[in-house]
Amino acid sequence: MDLRDKETEGHTLRVTDLSVKLARLIGINEGELLFIRRGALLHDIGKLGVPDLILHKAGSLDEGEWKIMHQHPQFAYDMLYPIEYLRPALDIPFCHHEKWDGTGYPRRLKGEAIPLSARVFAIVDVWDALTSDRPYRSAWDKQRAIDYIIEESDKHFDPKVVEAFLKMMKVESK
């Protein structure tokens, strides 16, 4: 994926490391951490099913293009499900765009219906996106990104996972 989309250069490794740290902090057992690591590494593999014209478009996506982009979690599921040993890692690639309040995609899952690993990953993914430079905007400073994550608690994010993330970031900033 990093070779196809320059924006993701380094993103995959950063979100993988942070996801495993956060999952460990909230008490996910070591055996499950392997699946979180694999899922995080593969989280955007479904973008291989998105045409380059959409993936690399400089401007805003139109409604039809967003519809295709929103299919990347399903594309990931379809690609990875046949690989039996990766099935336990599917929750992140398939569900990382679901939102706590049920407004996410692809299945509009809500609350605890969203797998815990995907709830963990969602915060880390947004954090990394906000605090990294993008072609269309500069990186946000850490406090602005923290404020956004707090604001999205109980909307986009699981409030309990937000609380753990904030604890983790205080430890990391020392």
Protein backbone atom coordinates (compact mmCIF):
# COMPACT_ATOMS: atom_id res chain seq x y z
CA MET A 1 0.00 0.00 0.00
CA ASP A 2 2.79 2.46 0.79
CA LEU A 3 4.01 2.07 -2.79
CA ARG A 4 0.60 2.97 -4.23
CA ASP A 5 -0.32 5.86 -1.97
CA LYS A 6 2.44 8.24 -0.83
CA GLU A 7 0.22 9.58 1.97
CA THR A 8 0.44 6.23 3.72
CA GLU A 9 4.25 6.18 3.81
CA GLY A 10 5.10 5.37 7.39
CA HIS A 11 1.44 5.55 8.45
CA THR A 12 1.01 1.79 8.55
CA LEU A 13 3.94 1.19 10.90
CA ARG A 14 2.99 4.08 13.20
CA VAL A 15 -0.63 2.98 13.56
CA THR A 16 0.39 -0.63 14.06
CA ASP A 17 2.74 0.23 16.92
CA LEU A 18 0.27 2.58 18.61
CA SER A 19 -2.62 0.13 18.22
CA VAL A 20 -0.67 -2.64 19.93
CA LYS A 21 0.37 -0.27 22.76
CA LEU A 22 -3.20 0.92 23.30
CA ALA A 23 -4.62 -2.61 23.12
CA ARG A 24 -2.07 -3.79 25.68
CA LEU A 25 -2.95 -0.84 27.95
CA ILE A 26 -6.66 -1.72 27.96
CA GLY A 27 -5.88 -5.31 28.83
CA ILE A 28 -6.17 -7.18 25.56
CA ASN A 29 -4.26 -10.43 25.99
CA GLU A 30 -0.97 -11.11 24.25
CA GLY A 31 -2.51 -13.72 21.93
CA GLU A 32 -5.00 -11.19 20.58
CA LEU A 33 -2.25 -8.61 20.09
CA LEU A 34 -0.90 -10.68 17.20
CA PHE A 35 -4.25 -10.33 15.40
CA ILE A 36 -4.35 -6.60 16.15
CA ARG A 37 -0.84 -6.23 14.71
CA ARG A 38 -1.81 -8.13 11.55
CA GLY A 39 -5.10 -6.26 11.19
CA ALA A 40 -3.39 -2.89 11.60
CA LEU A 41 -0.74 -3.77 9.04
CA LEU A 42 -3.50 -4.75 6.59
CA HIS A 43 -6.04 -2.06 7.51
CA ASP A 44 -6.13 -0.32 4.13
CA ILE A 45 -5.41 -3.28 1.87
CA GLY A 46 -8.92 -2.85 0.47
CA LYS A 47 -7.71 0.34 -1.21
CA LEU A 48 -6.11 -1.97 -3.76
CA GLY A 49 -9.66 -2.27 -5.11
CA VAL A 50 -10.03 1.50 -5.47
CA PRO A 51 -8.96 2.95 -8.84
CA ASP A 52 -5.84 5.14 -8.79
CA LEU A 53 -7.84 8.04 -10.26
CA ILE A 54 -9.88 8.12 -7.05
CA LEU A 55 -7.13 7.17 -4.62
CA HIS A 56 -4.76 9.87 -5.90
CA LYS A 57 -7.29 12.57 -6.78
CA ALA A 58 -5.96 15.98 -5.78
CA GLY A 59 -9.34 17.57 -5.13
CA SER A 60 -12.44 16.53 -3.24
CA LEU A 61 -14.13 13.28 -4.16
CA ASP A 62 -17.60 13.48 -5.67
CA GLU A 63 -20.49 11.38 -4.37
CA GLY A 64 -19.83 8.48 -6.74
CA GLU A 65 -16.13 8.45 -5.89
CA TRP A 66 -16.90 8.43 -2.16
CA LYS A 67 -19.23 5.52 -2.74
CA ILE A 68 -16.34 3.57 -4.28
CA MET A 69 -13.87 4.67 -1.58
CA HIS A 70 -16.32 3.55 1.12
CA GLN A 71 -16.18 0.05 -0.35
CA HIS A 72 -12.52 -0.46 0.62
CA PRO A 73 -13.36 -2.21 3.93
CA GLN A 74 -15.53 -4.70 2.03
CA PHE A 75 -12.79 -5.15 -0.57
CA ALA A 76 -10.38 -5.93 2.29
CA TYR A 77 -12.78 -8.48 3.75
CA ASP A 78 -13.26 -10.15 0.38
CA MET A 79 -9.49 -10.33 -0.21
CA LEU A 80 -8.50 -11.57 3.23
CA TYR A 81 -11.34 -13.88 4.28
CA PRO A 82 -10.14 -16.77 2.08
CA ILE A 83 -6.82 -16.75 3.98
CA GLU A 84 -7.81 -18.73 7.06
CA TYR A 85 -4.97 -17.67 9.37
CA LEU A 86 -5.81 -13.98 8.71
CA ARG A 87 -9.51 -14.29 9.59
CA PRO A 88 -8.95 -13.37 13.26
CA ALA A 89 -7.31 -10.14 12.03
CA LEU A 90 -10.20 -9.10 9.76
CA ASP A 91 -11.97 -6.90 12.33
CA ILE A 92 -9.63 -3.95 11.78
CA PRO A 93 -9.59 -3.89 7.94
CA PHE A 94 -13.35 -4.51 7.83
CA CYS A 95 -14.56 -2.31 10.70
CA HIS A 96 -12.07 0.54 11.23
CA HIS A 97 -14.44 3.09 9.66
CA GLU A 98 -17.41 2.17 11.86
CA LYS A 99 -18.35 4.84 14.41
CA TRP A 100 -19.51 4.45 18.00
CA ASP A 101 -22.78 6.30 17.21
CA GLY A 102 -23.60 4.06 14.22
CA THR A 103 -22.87 6.58 11.46
CA GLY A 104 -19.78 4.83 10.08
CA TYR A 105 -19.33 2.38 7.24
CA PRO A 106 -19.57 -0.20 5.72
CA ARG A 107 -22.23 -1.75 8.01
CA ARG A 108 -23.21 1.16 10.28
CA LEU A 109 -22.34 -0.85 13.37
CA LYS A 110 -22.93 0.93 16.66
CA GLY A 111 -21.34 0.81 20.11
CA GLU A 112 -20.08 -2.53 21.30
CA ALA A 113 -21.26 -4.19 18.09
CA ILE A 114 -18.02 -2.77 16.67
CA PRO A 115 -15.18 -5.17 17.50
CA LEU A 116 -12.92 -3.82 20.25
CA SER A 117 -9.82 -4.10 18.06
CA ALA A 118 -11.47 -1.84 15.45
CA ARG A 119 -12.50 0.67 18.16
CA VAL A 120 -8.89 0.80 19.34
CA PHE A 121 -7.55 1.15 15.83
CA ALA A 122 -10.04 3.87 14.82
CA ILE A 123 -8.65 6.32 17.38
CA VAL A 124 -5.04 5.62 16.47
CA ASP A 125 -5.81 5.91 12.75
CA VAL A 126 -7.47 9.30 13.17
CA TRP A 127 -4.69 10.48 15.51
CA ASP A 128 -2.03 9.62 12.97
CA ALA A 129 -3.96 11.19 10.10
CA LEU A 130 -4.44 14.43 12.03
CA THR A 131 -0.87 14.70 13.31
CA SER A 132 0.77 13.95 9.95
CA ASP A 133 1.29 16.32 7.03
CA ARG A 134 -0.98 15.72 4.07
CA PRO A 135 -0.80 17.22 0.57
CA TYR A 136 -3.97 19.21 1.28
CA ARG A 137 -3.12 20.41 4.85
CA SER A 138 -0.38 20.65 7.44
CA ALA A 139 -0.27 18.35 10.43
CA TRP A 140 -2.29 19.43 13.45
CA ASP A 141 -0.40 20.02 16.68
CA LYS A 142 -0.85 17.31 19.28
CA GLN A 143 -3.16 19.36 21.54
CA ARG A 144 -5.54 20.18 18.69
CA ALA A 145 -5.70 16.49 17.74
CA ILE A 146 -6.30 15.50 21.40
CA ASP A 147 -9.11 18.08 21.63
CA TYR A 148 -10.70 16.64 18.50
CA ILE A 149 -10.54 13.08 19.83
CA ILE A 150 -12.12 14.21 23.12
CA GLU A 151 -14.85 16.02 21.15
CA GLU A 152 -15.56 12.85 19.14
CA SER A 153 -15.79 10.63 22.24
CA ASP A 154 -19.23 8.94 22.30
CA LYS A 155 -19.76 9.95 18.66
CA HIS A 156 -16.95 8.58 16.49
CA PHE A 157 -15.08 6.83 19.31
CA ASP A 158 -15.75 4.50 22.24
CA PRO A 159 -15.46 6.73 25.35
CA LYS A 160 -13.62 4.05 27.35
CA VAL A 161 -11.03 3.61 24.61
CA VAL A 162 -10.66 7.40 24.35
CA GLU A 163 -9.93 7.51 28.09
CA ALA A 164 -7.22 4.85 27.71
CA PHE A 165 -5.78 6.62 24.65
CA LEU A 166 -5.51 9.87 26.59
CA LYS A 167 -3.68 8.07 29.41
CA MET A 168 -1.33 6.48 26.89
CA MET A 169 -0.56 9.82 25.25
CA LYS A 170 0.23 11.45 28.62
CA VAL A 171 2.72 8.67 29.31
CA GLU A 172 4.24 8.98 25.82
CA SER A 173 4.58 12.77 26.05
CA LYS A 174 6.72 12.62 29.22
